Amino acid sequence: MTTTIRDVSVFGDAMAYFNEAASLLNLEPGMRAILTMSRAMKAVEGRFGVCGLQPQVKAMLEACGYDRVVPIYESRDEAIATITT
């Protein structure tokens, strides 16, 4: 059993840190990517949203106020129907 901590790319710059006894997923870069994409789409008068979130992730984004900046859709179909109209 090793206690070496390794870095694994999960999503863009989001990193997972793990060993056999502990795990950490740093979502800060991923959350920053959501805001960056939202701003980029607004700059070109485009639309952007997120979908398919697990209930805990959705609750976290709502608690942080992301839902006031980035629309959260329950499903991919709902998101596509809304942002492409």
Protein backbone atom coordinates (compact mmCIF):
# COMPACT_ATOMS: atom_id res chain seq x y z
CA MET A 1 0.00 0.00 0.00
CA THR A 2 1.47 3.32 -1.07
CA THR A 3 0.76 6.72 0.41
CA THR A 4 2.01 8.63 -2.60
CA ILE A 5 -0.46 11.26 -3.78
CA ARG A 6 -0.95 11.38 -7.53
CA ASP A 7 -2.61 14.00 -9.74
CA VAL A 8 -5.09 12.95 -12.37
CA SER A 9 -6.72 15.28 -14.88
CA VAL A 10 -10.49 14.92 -14.50
CA PHE A 11 -11.99 17.80 -16.48
CA GLY A 12 -9.80 20.46 -17.99
CA ASP A 13 -7.87 21.90 -15.08
CA ALA A 14 -9.94 20.17 -12.38
CA MET A 15 -7.66 17.78 -10.58
CA ALA A 16 -8.24 14.76 -8.40
CA TYR A 17 -5.81 14.10 -5.60
CA PHE A 18 -5.95 10.62 -4.18
CA ASN A 19 -4.24 7.79 -2.40
CA GLU A 20 -5.62 4.63 -0.82
CA ALA A 21 -6.87 6.47 2.28
CA ALA A 22 -8.17 9.79 1.01
CA SER A 23 -9.53 11.49 -2.09
CA LEU A 24 -10.15 15.10 -3.05
CA LEU A 25 -11.68 16.50 -6.21
CA ASN A 26 -10.87 20.17 -6.73
CA LEU A 27 -13.81 21.61 -8.67
CA GLU A 28 -12.60 25.21 -8.49
CA PRO A 29 -11.08 25.16 -11.98
CA GLY A 30 -14.19 23.44 -13.33
CA MET A 31 -16.46 25.99 -11.69
CA ARG A 32 -14.30 28.78 -13.07
CA ALA A 33 -14.63 27.17 -16.51
CA ILE A 34 -18.43 27.34 -16.20
CA LEU A 35 -18.28 31.09 -15.52
CA THR A 36 -15.70 31.66 -18.27
CA MET A 37 -17.85 29.85 -20.83
CA SER A 38 -20.94 31.74 -19.69
CA ARG A 39 -19.20 35.09 -20.09
CA ALA A 40 -17.82 34.12 -23.50
CA MET A 41 -21.26 33.14 -24.76
CA LYS A 42 -22.84 36.34 -23.42
CA ALA A 43 -20.15 38.38 -25.17
CA VAL A 44 -21.34 37.02 -28.53
CA GLU A 45 -25.01 37.11 -27.46
CA GLY A 46 -25.04 33.33 -27.27
CA ARG A 47 -26.71 31.06 -24.75
CA PHE A 48 -25.14 28.69 -22.26
CA GLY A 49 -26.32 26.40 -19.48
CA VAL A 50 -25.46 23.26 -17.62
CA CYS A 51 -27.45 20.04 -17.36
CA GLY A 52 -27.37 16.53 -16.01
CA LEU A 53 -26.21 17.51 -12.54
CA GLN A 54 -26.42 15.15 -9.61
CA PRO A 55 -28.70 16.58 -6.88
CA GLN A 56 -25.76 17.36 -4.56
CA VAL A 57 -23.87 19.21 -7.29
CA LYS A 58 -26.97 21.16 -8.27
CA ALA A 59 -27.55 22.12 -4.63
CA MET A 60 -23.92 23.26 -4.32
CA LEU A 61 -24.14 25.43 -7.46
CA GLU A 62 -27.41 26.94 -6.24
CA ALA A 63 -25.92 27.61 -2.79
CA CYS A 64 -23.00 29.40 -4.46
CA GLY A 65 -25.36 31.48 -6.60
CA TYR A 66 -24.31 29.98 -9.93
CA ASP A 67 -27.95 29.46 -10.91
CA ARG A 68 -28.38 33.25 -11.01
CA VAL A 69 -25.60 33.48 -13.61
CA VAL A 70 -25.82 30.17 -15.46
CA PRO A 71 -29.11 28.42 -16.17
CA ILE A 72 -29.32 24.89 -14.77
CA TYR A 73 -31.43 22.42 -16.74
CA GLU A 74 -32.72 19.09 -15.48
CA SER A 75 -31.96 17.23 -18.69
CA ARG A 76 -29.93 17.52 -21.88
CA ASP A 77 -33.13 17.57 -23.94
CA GLU A 78 -34.53 20.48 -21.88
CA ALA A 79 -31.25 22.38 -22.20
CA ILE A 80 -31.04 21.91 -25.96
CA ALA A 81 -34.67 22.85 -26.47
CA THR A 82 -34.24 26.00 -24.39
CA ILE A 83 -30.87 27.29 -25.59
CA THR A 84 -31.47 26.62 -29.27
CA THR A 85 -34.80 28.45 -29.57
